[in-house]
Each structure stands twice: as C-alpha cells, then as structure tokens.
Amino acid sequence: MRQLNNQIETQHPATKLLFGGAAVLLGVMRFLLLCLLLPPLAPAAARPPDLAGLYRPGPRLLLDTRREADSLRLYLRLPDARALGPGRPLRLAAWATYEARTALWQDSIPARRQRRVPDGAGGLRVSFCLALARVPAGAVLQIQTGEPATDGYQAAATTAWLRVSTERLARTFVLTDSAQQPLLRTYALAGEAFGIDCFGLYQPLRWRRYEAPATPAPPPFAKPGAGTNAPRRLALTDSGSVAAGQALRFGQAGLYALRVGGLGGVPVATVPVLVAAGRYPALSTAAELLEPLRYLTTSKERAALANAPDVKRAVDKFWLGIAHGDQGRARALIRSYYGRVTQANDLFAAHKAGYLTDRGLLYVVLGPPPSVRRLPDGEERWFYPEGDEGLPITFSFRPKPSTFAPDYYELARNPEYELPWYAAVQLWRTAPTAPSAPTGR
C-alpha cells in the first residue's frame, strides 16, 4: 500500500487531481445521502403572540367571513392602503391555538387572488377565498400585512386574528352597509340602513328584538354570580320579517337576533346585532355621560348627579371638582375617561354596550392592558405590570359564548382584586393628571 501511495505521489499532477476530485465527489454524495435519510427539520417555533396591540386606540384591520360552497371568503378592511404596497405581501397563517408554537400552515395571498376596492378614506377593502378543507373548525387564523414581528407584538393596523368556529364555517351570509360593503362590526345605529348579502339564493330573514341589558359589570372582587354578566333570559319586545334582499333599518335601539336561511336547503343561522342610539360607540347625551361614572362614584354621588336639574352641568362639575377647579386638567380627565369608554364600546360590544362588559370595565378604569395572552383553552389573560403597591397583577377572562354574544368573555373574579381596584379608582379621583395608558410597543 505504501508503494502504491508513493507511485501516486510521483504521478503526473493531472492524475493526482483526478484522484482528489473523485474523493471530493464521494464526500458530497455521502453528505447528500445522509440528508435524505435524516428527518426534515421542523420550522422555527414562533413566539406566542402578545395581543395587547389589538386593544390599543387607533386604526384597526377589520375582518369578517362568509361560507361560499367549498370555500371560505375573507373580507378585510385595511385602514391604510399602503400596507399592501410593493414588498408588503398579505400573509396568512392557521394555528391550532393562539399559543401554538408552530403553524398548521402559512401562505402568502398573491394580488391576482385578491379583490381590492379603495374605500375613499385612504383605506383598502380586500377579499379572497380559502379552500374550506384548509380551515378546520376551532383553528385560529392570523392575517398580517408586511413582515411579521419577531417579538410577538401584534399591531392592530396590520394584524387580525380570528377563531374559526363551527357556526362561522356554516354561515353563508355577511352583514353589509348601505353601500353593499361588509359592515365589519357587531353593532349598528338606530335608523342606519344595513343588509344581508347571501351567497347563492337570497334567503328569508326573520328578526327578534330584545331589551338590551344596561346592567354594568360588577367589580372584579365581587362574589361569583354577583350581578348580570353573560346574557341569560332577555325580554322579547318585538319580532318581524324582511323580504329577501331588502335593506334593514331598525329605528328602535335594542338587541336584535337575525335568523337567516331555510331556503333551498340552506341551514338557518342566527347573528346578533346590537342596535344603539345616539352616536355609538361615542357618547353624546347627558345620560350617556352619566352612566359610565358608576365605576368611579358612590351610590350617593350617582343619585345626586342623576337628580340634578341639569345633568350635563352636574357631570362637568363632578370632573371640575376632581381637578380642584383646574379646567385644563378637567378636560384632560374627561377626554381620557370617555375616550376609553368609546374604545371599549367599539372593541367589546356584545349583548350590551362594550363598556358594560367585564373586559370593558377593566379597560375603562385600568386602561388598555400592557400585555394580553390567549391560552389554548380560550382563556384570555391581561397583565398589568404595576398593580397595588407596584406589584404585577393578572386578570383572567373565560370565554362564555352564547347566541347573543358569541365572543363574550367573563372575568374570573377574586377578592384579592379589591385593594388594587380601589387604588385605581382613587387614582382617577386624586391624580394630578389622568392615569396614563400604555403607548407604543
């Protein structure tokens, strides 16, 4: 063998190159064979999303769906049309749960598959279809424009999440506004025209009106079952029907249950719509300004405000008293407090105004949560880094879906919340400025 090696070393350089090339080629082949035998590498696990950004004030990406034969059509409204500009694709992912570390699948929706309609306000409406087989019941869809965040933060203007329930997969219609565009909200104003856009045959529509409860959420430390949170038995006040394809316009405020379907084998589906008076989600009347103050006032103070000859003047005087006569500070407190009420009304509208719900209660008094998680069982947790005595505090909300409120969450109340709750209320009543909400990321 040594003699053979000596012979090779003394051979022509071209012969040595040939032997060396063969050895390199053999090494490459061994590497490729090893790659084929090894199992494929799993995709990098994503960080669990922090959904707090979806609750911050500001423009939001809105989303709704409609079943179309063997497809699910998604309707989006982007607040800024530039979000789908060059180099900013529309990304879609399906997850088993909100906390799943690996997506069931991920995709990018090319422009040729999208229907795009500018909305005249700088936004953009987009719709596209997914094969129904790709969206199992219970899965969670994430829609995002541009590059995904690496830190788990979800920006409301460019990201939307949706849990795909069995009821949603079966619903063959979508609520529309007066311009025949998807309404993309769960409430309408009294007297506002809106409609039902069905896939296939126009379906008959029957409606029932119930008295929308005005009961506020009990304090977070109240005993379980105190007050009325999730809808139970609501009083039926009226009912009727609307011809297929005809616009809806309800002049009276209340909670409406719209029953659509039954023609041509299409199953009947019910969708709730909260019809609100005034300029909902904003507040406009003196009575509307008075009601949210129950979270900051005693029963005696509320009675004095409600019985005042001029309720609006009495409410202004209440805030001016907190501000010790400083009108600028009083205006700042009013803007902050009622701004949160408006935002809660928009975010959490259910069988009643959003600020009356459990999540609305905490949103108004404590502010938008700095961090939000949704666990595999659907529980939603809000984390505030500074509670009573500067210690962090966590609030847990459990899903309580119903026909009237399919996306309702109920707070798991705890006596330990009493001190931090009263501390937060006291801060509103004594702070030199309005309690600040989290900003940025």
Protein backbone atom coordinates (compact mmCIF):
# COMPACT_ATOMS: atom_id res chain seq x y z
CA MET A 1 0.00 0.00 0.00
CA ARG A 2 2.83 2.37 0.87
CA GLN A 3 4.40 1.61 -2.54
CA LEU A 4 1.09 2.44 -4.25
CA ASN A 5 0.90 5.73 -2.38
CA ASN A 6 4.42 6.55 -3.42
CA GLN A 7 3.52 5.80 -7.01
CA ILE A 8 0.54 8.13 -6.83
CA GLU A 9 2.61 10.93 -5.31
CA THR A 10 5.15 10.62 -8.15
CA GLN A 11 2.50 10.55 -10.85
CA HIS A 12 1.63 13.44 -13.13
CA PRO A 13 -0.23 16.38 -11.41
CA ALA A 14 -3.31 15.70 -13.58
CA THR A 15 -3.51 12.16 -12.22
CA LYS A 16 -3.37 13.44 -8.64
CA LEU A 17 -6.14 15.98 -9.44
CA LEU A 18 -8.32 13.16 -10.77
CA PHE A 19 -7.93 11.10 -7.61
CA GLY A 20 -8.55 14.20 -5.42
CA GLY A 21 -11.70 15.17 -7.37
CA ALA A 22 -13.07 11.66 -7.01
CA ALA A 23 -12.60 11.84 -3.25
CA VAL A 24 -14.43 15.18 -3.05
CA LEU A 25 -17.27 13.83 -5.19
CA LEU A 26 -17.56 10.76 -2.98
CA GLY A 27 -17.78 13.01 0.11
CA VAL A 28 -20.52 15.14 -1.45
CA MET A 29 -22.53 12.02 -2.35
CA ARG A 30 -22.23 10.72 1.22
CA PHE A 31 -23.48 14.08 2.57
CA LEU A 32 -26.47 14.15 0.23
CA LEU A 33 -27.36 10.58 1.14
CA LEU A 34 -27.21 11.47 4.83
CA CYS A 35 -29.53 14.45 4.25
CA LEU A 36 -32.07 12.20 2.54
CA LEU A 37 -32.04 9.71 5.41
CA LEU A 38 -32.41 12.30 8.16
CA PRO A 39 -35.94 13.58 9.03
CA PRO A 40 -36.74 17.10 7.79
CA LEU A 41 -36.08 19.95 10.19
CA ALA A 42 -39.18 21.44 11.78
CA PRO A 43 -39.85 25.13 11.08
CA ALA A 44 -38.63 27.54 13.70
CA ALA A 45 -41.13 27.90 16.52
CA ALA A 46 -42.86 31.28 16.67
CA ARG A 47 -43.15 33.31 19.83
CA PRO A 48 -46.66 33.28 21.32
CA PRO A 49 -48.44 36.43 20.17
CA ASP A 50 -48.96 39.33 22.55
CA LEU A 51 -52.42 40.60 21.60
CA ALA A 52 -52.22 43.83 23.62
CA GLY A 53 -51.62 45.83 20.45
CA LEU A 54 -55.06 44.82 19.17
CA TYR A 55 -56.61 46.70 22.12
CA ARG A 56 -54.68 49.94 21.75
CA PRO A 57 -56.55 53.03 20.48
CA GLY A 58 -56.10 53.68 16.79
CA PRO A 59 -56.98 52.29 13.36
CA ARG A 60 -57.58 48.54 13.13
CA LEU A 61 -57.57 45.89 10.43
CA LEU A 62 -61.18 44.63 10.36
CA LEU A 63 -62.25 41.12 9.34
CA ASP A 64 -65.34 39.04 8.56
CA THR A 65 -66.10 35.81 6.66
CA ARG A 66 -68.73 34.08 4.52
CA ARG A 67 -69.11 30.44 3.52
CA GLU A 68 -69.21 30.01 -0.26
CA ALA A 69 -69.78 26.36 -1.28
CA ASP A 70 -66.48 24.60 -0.51
CA SER A 71 -64.64 27.86 0.22
CA LEU A 72 -64.45 30.42 2.99
CA ARG A 73 -64.32 34.02 1.78
CA LEU A 74 -62.45 36.50 3.97
CA TYR A 75 -63.34 40.20 3.91
CA LEU A 76 -60.77 42.70 5.16
CA ARG A 77 -60.60 46.43 5.56
CA LEU A 78 -57.11 47.87 5.89
CA PRO A 79 -57.02 51.38 7.40
CA ASP A 80 -54.06 52.30 5.18
CA ALA A 81 -53.98 51.11 1.56
CA ARG A 82 -50.19 51.46 1.56
CA ALA A 83 -50.00 48.44 3.87
CA LEU A 84 -50.24 46.27 0.72
CA GLY A 85 -47.79 48.30 -1.32
CA PRO A 86 -44.71 46.93 -3.09
CA GLY A 87 -42.79 44.47 -0.91
CA ARG A 88 -45.66 44.16 1.58
CA PRO A 89 -47.47 40.90 0.91
CA LEU A 90 -50.70 39.73 2.50
CA ARG A 91 -49.71 36.88 4.80
CA LEU A 92 -51.99 34.23 6.21
CA ALA A 93 -51.37 31.50 8.78
CA ALA A 94 -53.50 28.91 10.53
CA TRP A 95 -52.74 27.84 14.10
CA ALA A 96 -54.20 25.11 16.28
CA THR A 97 -54.45 27.64 19.16
CA TYR A 98 -53.35 31.20 19.88
CA GLU A 99 -50.38 29.85 21.84
CA ALA A 100 -49.28 27.21 19.30
CA ARG A 101 -45.55 27.42 18.55
CA THR A 102 -45.78 26.01 15.02
CA ALA A 103 -48.36 26.98 12.39
CA LEU A 104 -50.59 24.38 10.75
CA TRP A 105 -49.71 26.15 7.51
CA GLN A 106 -48.56 29.52 6.25
CA ASP A 107 -49.26 31.18 2.95
CA SER A 108 -48.95 34.43 1.07
CA ILE A 109 -52.01 35.54 -0.90
CA PRO A 110 -50.91 36.88 -4.32
CA ALA A 111 -52.57 40.01 -5.68
CA ARG A 112 -54.23 38.03 -8.51
CA ARG A 113 -56.31 36.16 -5.90
CA GLN A 114 -57.47 39.33 -4.18
CA ARG A 115 -60.37 41.63 -4.92
CA ARG A 116 -59.26 45.13 -3.98
CA VAL A 117 -61.54 48.16 -3.65
CA PRO A 118 -60.29 51.54 -2.32
CA ASP A 119 -62.75 52.88 0.24
CA GLY A 120 -62.23 56.59 -0.41
CA ALA A 121 -60.84 57.29 3.06
CA GLY A 122 -57.29 56.11 2.41
CA GLY A 123 -58.16 52.54 3.32
CA LEU A 124 -58.50 49.43 1.21
CA ARG A 125 -61.09 46.65 1.15
CA VAL A 126 -59.78 43.22 0.21
CA SER A 127 -61.46 39.85 -0.17
CA PHE A 128 -60.19 36.40 -1.16
CA CYS A 129 -61.18 32.75 -0.77
CA LEU A 130 -59.64 29.81 1.08
CA ALA A 131 -60.43 26.17 0.48
CA LEU A 132 -62.68 25.06 3.31
CA ALA A 133 -60.55 21.95 3.81
CA ARG A 134 -57.67 24.19 4.93
CA VAL A 135 -59.65 25.74 7.77
CA PRO A 136 -60.70 23.14 10.36
CA ALA A 137 -63.25 24.17 12.98
CA GLY A 138 -61.53 25.57 16.05
CA ALA A 139 -58.44 26.73 14.18
CA VAL A 140 -57.17 30.29 14.57
CA LEU A 141 -56.42 32.42 11.51
CA GLN A 142 -53.83 35.17 11.55
CA ILE A 143 -53.91 37.79 8.78
CA GLN A 144 -50.97 40.14 8.51
CA THR A 145 -49.55 42.66 6.06
CA GLY A 146 -45.82 43.17 5.68
CA GLU A 147 -43.15 41.38 7.66
CA PRO A 148 -44.26 39.62 10.86
CA ALA A 149 -42.92 40.98 14.14
CA THR A 150 -40.14 38.91 15.70
CA ASP A 151 -41.09 39.82 19.28
CA GLY A 152 -44.67 38.56 19.15
CA TYR A 153 -46.24 42.06 19.16
CA GLN A 154 -49.44 42.30 17.11
CA ALA A 155 -50.14 45.75 15.63
CA ALA A 156 -53.86 46.41 15.21
CA ALA A 157 -53.45 48.33 11.93
CA THR A 158 -51.71 45.44 10.17
CA THR A 159 -52.79 42.27 12.01
CA ALA A 160 -56.07 40.50 12.73
CA TRP A 161 -56.83 37.20 14.47
CA LEU A 162 -59.96 35.08 14.14
CA ARG A 163 -61.01 31.84 15.77
CA VAL A 164 -62.97 29.85 13.19
CA SER A 165 -65.99 28.37 14.96
CA THR A 166 -68.33 25.76 13.54
CA GLU A 167 -71.06 28.42 13.36
CA ARG A 168 -68.83 30.73 11.35
CA LEU A 169 -67.93 27.98 8.89
CA ALA A 170 -71.64 27.34 8.26
CA ARG A 171 -72.69 30.99 7.82
CA THR A 172 -73.41 31.73 4.17
CA PHE A 173 -74.02 35.46 4.51
CA VAL A 174 -72.30 38.63 5.65
CA LEU A 175 -73.69 41.86 7.08
CA THR A 176 -73.27 44.83 4.72
CA ASP A 177 -73.54 48.60 5.00
CA SER A 178 -75.67 50.92 2.87
CA ALA A 179 -73.02 50.81 0.11
CA GLN A 180 -73.23 46.99 -0.03
CA GLN A 181 -69.78 46.65 1.51
CA PRO A 182 -69.18 44.32 4.50
CA LEU A 183 -70.22 46.06 7.72
CA LEU A 184 -67.32 44.53 9.71
CA ARG A 185 -68.83 45.31 13.14
CA THR A 186 -71.33 43.74 15.50
CA TYR A 187 -73.40 46.87 16.06
CA ALA A 188 -75.45 49.33 14.02
CA LEU A 189 -77.02 52.70 14.80
CA ALA A 190 -80.74 53.19 15.20
CA GLY A 191 -82.06 54.25 11.81
CA GLU A 192 -78.93 53.10 9.97
CA ALA A 193 -79.52 51.09 6.80
CA PHE A 194 -77.66 47.80 6.53
CA GLY A 195 -78.29 44.48 4.84
CA ILE A 196 -77.56 40.80 4.44
CA ASP A 197 -75.51 39.61 1.46
CA CYS A 198 -76.10 35.89 0.92
CA PHE A 199 -74.06 33.52 -1.19
CA GLY A 200 -76.33 31.88 -3.75
CA LEU A 201 -80.07 32.30 -3.27
CA TYR A 202 -81.43 35.26 -1.34
CA GLN A 203 -82.56 33.89 1.99
CA PRO A 204 -85.59 34.87 4.07
CA LEU A 205 -84.85 36.89 7.19
CA ARG A 206 -86.72 36.93 10.45
CA TRP A 207 -85.77 39.12 13.38
CA ARG A 208 -86.50 39.41 17.07
CA ARG A 209 -85.80 42.40 19.25
CA TYR A 210 -84.84 42.04 22.89
CA GLU A 211 -84.28 44.66 25.53
CA ALA A 212 -80.52 45.23 25.59
CA PRO A 213 -79.42 44.99 29.25
CA ALA A 214 -77.90 48.09 30.78
CA THR A 215 -76.50 46.29 33.82
CA PRO A 216 -72.84 47.20 34.40
CA ALA A 217 -70.22 44.60 35.20
CA PRO A 218 -69.74 44.05 38.95
CA PRO A 219 -66.36 44.98 40.48
CA PRO A 220 -63.57 42.48 39.86
CA PHE A 221 -63.58 41.41 43.51
CA ALA A 222 -67.34 40.69 43.69
CA LYS A 223 -68.56 37.22 44.58
CA PRO A 224 -69.04 34.89 41.59
CA GLY A 225 -72.52 35.28 40.18
CA ALA A 226 -72.99 38.82 41.52
CA GLY A 227 -74.81 41.00 39.03
CA THR A 228 -75.59 40.01 35.47
CA ASN A 229 -72.68 39.45 33.12
CA ALA A 230 -73.30 36.92 30.38
CA PRO A 231 -76.74 37.12 28.74
CA ARG A 232 -79.26 34.71 30.17
CA ARG A 233 -83.00 35.37 29.73
CA LEU A 234 -83.72 38.55 27.81
CA ALA A 235 -87.18 40.09 27.39
CA LEU A 236 -88.57 39.74 23.86
CA THR A 237 -90.11 43.08 22.83
CA ASP A 238 -90.86 42.70 19.11
CA SER A 239 -90.37 40.49 16.06
CA GLY A 240 -90.89 40.57 12.31
CA SER A 241 -89.59 39.53 8.92
CA VAL A 242 -87.94 41.21 5.95
CA ALA A 243 -88.27 40.28 2.29
CA ALA A 244 -85.24 38.63 0.75
CA GLY A 245 -82.74 41.21 -0.46
CA GLN A 246 -84.44 44.13 1.30
CA ALA A 247 -82.39 46.55 3.41
CA LEU A 248 -82.77 46.56 7.18
CA ARG A 249 -83.39 49.72 9.18
CA PHE A 250 -84.33 49.46 12.85
CA GLY A 251 -85.49 52.69 14.41
CA GLN A 252 -85.56 51.38 17.96
CA ALA A 253 -82.46 50.53 19.94
CA GLY A 254 -82.12 47.02 21.31
CA LEU A 255 -80.51 43.65 20.79
CA TYR A 256 -81.63 42.05 17.53
CA ALA A 257 -81.33 38.38 16.65
CA LEU A 258 -81.34 37.97 12.86
CA ARG A 259 -82.32 34.49 11.64
CA VAL A 260 -81.23 33.94 8.05
CA GLY A 261 -81.70 30.87 5.84
CA GLY A 262 -84.08 27.99 5.30
CA LEU A 263 -84.49 28.28 1.50
CA GLY A 264 -83.02 25.71 -0.88
CA GLY A 265 -81.63 23.55 1.90
CA VAL A 266 -79.56 26.36 3.42
CA PRO A 267 -79.49 25.89 7.22
CA VAL A 268 -80.85 28.71 9.37
CA ALA A 269 -78.15 30.74 11.12
CA THR A 270 -78.58 33.43 13.77
CA VAL A 271 -76.40 36.51 14.06
CA PRO A 272 -76.83 39.10 16.87
CA VAL A 273 -76.67 42.83 16.16
CA LEU A 274 -76.64 45.48 18.88
CA VAL A 275 -78.63 48.48 17.59
CA ALA A 276 -77.56 51.52 19.58
CA ALA A 277 -78.96 55.02 19.84
CA GLY A 278 -77.06 58.26 19.52
CA ARG A 279 -73.53 58.28 18.12
CA TYR A 280 -72.39 54.91 19.47
CA PRO A 281 -69.64 53.95 20.20
CA ALA A 282 -69.17 57.60 21.23
CA LEU A 283 -71.31 59.26 23.91
CA SER A 284 -73.46 62.29 23.17
CA THR A 285 -76.28 62.78 25.68
CA ALA A 286 -76.09 63.75 29.34
CA ALA A 287 -77.50 60.38 30.38
CA GLU A 288 -74.82 58.58 28.35
CA LEU A 289 -72.10 60.64 30.05
CA LEU A 290 -73.54 59.89 33.49
CA GLU A 291 -73.79 56.10 33.27
CA PRO A 292 -70.02 55.26 32.96
CA LEU A 293 -69.34 57.26 36.13
CA ARG A 294 -70.76 54.40 38.20
CA TYR A 295 -67.26 52.87 38.08
CA LEU A 296 -65.81 55.90 39.91
CA THR A 297 -68.62 57.11 42.17
CA THR A 298 -70.59 56.06 45.21
CA SER A 299 -74.32 55.37 45.01
CA LYS A 300 -74.99 58.64 46.85
CA GLU A 301 -72.92 60.62 44.33
CA ARG A 302 -74.68 58.95 41.40
CA ALA A 303 -78.10 59.74 42.83
CA ALA A 304 -77.14 63.40 43.27
CA LEU A 305 -75.90 63.57 39.66
CA ALA A 306 -78.95 61.81 38.24
CA ASN A 307 -81.39 64.09 40.13
CA ALA A 308 -79.61 67.32 39.26
CA PRO A 309 -81.71 69.88 37.30
CA ASP A 310 -79.04 69.91 34.58
CA VAL A 311 -77.31 66.53 34.39
CA LYS A 312 -74.70 67.65 31.85
CA ARG A 313 -73.70 70.61 34.02
CA ALA A 314 -73.59 68.34 37.07
CA VAL A 315 -71.27 65.89 35.28
CA ASP A 316 -68.96 68.73 34.25
CA LYS A 317 -68.97 69.98 37.83
CA PHE A 318 -68.05 66.48 39.06
CA TRP A 319 -64.92 66.42 36.89
CA LEU A 320 -64.07 70.02 37.72
CA GLY A 321 -64.27 69.14 41.41
CA ILE A 322 -61.81 66.27 40.94
CA ALA A 323 -59.50 68.70 39.11
CA HIS A 324 -59.76 71.23 42.01
CA GLY A 325 -61.15 73.86 39.66
CA ASP A 326 -58.43 73.43 37.02
CA GLN A 327 -60.39 73.45 33.74
CA GLY A 328 -57.46 72.21 31.65
CA ARG A 329 -56.95 69.23 33.92
CA ALA A 330 -60.70 68.55 33.99
CA ARG A 331 -60.81 68.49 30.18
CA ALA A 332 -57.85 66.07 30.11
CA LEU A 333 -59.62 63.75 32.56
CA ILE A 334 -62.83 63.86 30.53
CA ARG A 335 -61.03 63.14 27.25
CA SER A 336 -59.14 60.22 28.76
CA TYR A 337 -62.04 58.61 30.61
CA TYR A 338 -64.70 58.91 27.94
CA GLY A 339 -62.15 58.08 25.25
CA ARG A 340 -61.68 54.73 26.98
CA VAL A 341 -65.46 54.26 27.18
CA THR A 342 -65.75 54.87 23.43
CA GLN A 343 -62.92 52.47 22.68
CA ALA A 344 -64.41 49.80 24.95
CA ASN A 345 -67.78 50.20 23.24
CA ASP A 346 -66.16 49.56 19.87
CA LEU A 347 -63.95 46.66 20.96
CA PHE A 348 -66.27 44.74 23.26
CA ALA A 349 -69.83 45.37 22.00
CA ALA A 350 -71.84 42.24 22.73
CA HIS A 351 -75.38 41.83 24.07
CA LYS A 352 -74.86 45.24 25.67
CA ALA A 353 -72.61 48.26 25.26
CA GLY A 354 -68.93 47.36 25.39
CA TYR A 355 -68.09 49.44 28.47
CA LEU A 356 -70.69 47.45 30.48
CA THR A 357 -68.92 44.13 29.87
CA ASP A 358 -66.23 42.64 32.09
CA ARG A 359 -63.41 43.49 29.72
CA GLY A 360 -64.87 46.96 29.21
CA LEU A 361 -64.92 47.51 32.98
CA LEU A 362 -61.17 46.95 33.33
CA TYR A 363 -60.39 48.73 30.07
CA VAL A 364 -62.09 51.93 31.24
CA VAL A 365 -60.67 52.10 34.76
CA LEU A 366 -57.24 50.47 34.37
CA GLY A 367 -56.62 51.34 30.72
CA PRO A 368 -55.63 49.16 27.76
CA PRO A 369 -53.77 46.08 29.05
CA PRO A 370 -49.99 46.27 28.52
CA SER A 371 -49.85 42.54 27.68
CA VAL A 372 -52.51 40.03 26.58
CA ARG A 373 -52.34 36.27 26.05
CA ARG A 374 -54.94 33.75 24.92
CA LEU A 375 -54.39 30.24 26.22
CA PRO A 376 -55.20 27.01 24.34
CA ASP A 377 -58.47 26.62 26.28
CA GLY A 378 -59.57 30.06 25.09
CA GLU A 379 -58.90 31.87 28.37
CA GLU A 380 -57.68 35.44 27.90
CA ARG A 381 -55.24 36.96 30.39
CA TRP A 382 -54.49 40.63 30.87
CA PHE A 383 -51.20 41.52 32.56
CA TYR A 384 -50.62 44.86 34.27
CA PRO A 385 -47.02 45.29 35.50
CA GLU A 386 -47.94 47.69 38.32
CA GLY A 387 -50.96 46.85 40.44
CA ASP A 388 -51.42 47.52 44.12
CA GLU A 389 -48.15 48.58 45.82
CA GLY A 390 -46.36 48.38 42.48
CA LEU A 391 -46.76 44.59 42.17
CA PRO A 392 -47.86 42.99 38.88
CA ILE A 393 -51.43 41.81 38.60
CA THR A 394 -53.15 39.39 36.20
CA PHE A 395 -56.83 39.22 35.25
CA SER A 396 -58.25 36.09 33.64
CA PHE A 397 -61.29 36.05 31.35
CA ARG A 398 -63.03 32.84 30.40
CA PRO A 399 -64.96 32.51 27.14
CA LYS A 400 -68.75 32.45 27.67
CA PRO A 401 -70.19 32.30 24.16
CA SER A 402 -73.94 32.43 23.58
CA THR A 403 -76.36 33.10 20.74
CA PHE A 404 -76.50 36.78 21.71
CA ALA A 405 -72.79 37.19 22.44
CA PRO A 406 -70.62 34.62 20.61
CA ASP A 407 -67.37 36.40 21.56
CA TYR A 408 -68.17 37.21 25.17
CA TYR A 409 -65.59 36.79 27.97
CA GLU A 410 -66.34 36.70 31.68
CA LEU A 411 -63.85 37.79 34.35
CA ALA A 412 -62.76 35.24 36.94
CA ARG A 413 -63.42 37.43 40.00
CA ASN A 414 -61.22 37.28 43.07
CA PRO A 415 -61.36 39.01 46.48
CA GLU A 416 -57.65 39.80 46.08
CA TYR A 417 -58.55 42.36 43.41
CA GLU A 418 -60.31 44.64 45.92
CA LEU A 419 -57.30 46.68 47.03
CA PRO A 420 -55.77 47.25 43.57
CA TRP A 421 -59.23 48.09 42.20
CA TYR A 422 -59.94 50.78 44.76
CA ALA A 423 -56.41 52.09 44.33
CA ALA A 424 -57.07 52.51 40.58
CA VAL A 425 -60.38 54.28 41.26
CA GLN A 426 -58.72 56.55 43.79
CA LEU A 427 -56.05 57.41 41.26
CA TRP A 428 -58.71 58.77 38.92
CA ARG A 429 -60.13 60.88 41.70
CA THR A 430 -56.88 62.27 43.10
CA ALA A 431 -54.20 62.07 40.39
CA PRO A 432 -52.75 65.38 39.12
CA THR A 433 -53.42 64.13 35.59
CA ALA A 434 -55.47 61.38 34.01
CA PRO A 435 -54.00 57.89 34.57
CA SER A 436 -51.83 57.07 31.58
CA ALA A 437 -52.38 54.18 29.23
CA PRO A 438 -49.59 52.12 27.65
CA THR A 439 -48.20 53.55 24.44
CA GLY A 440 -46.06 52.10 21.72
CA ARG A 441 -44.85 48.53 21.94
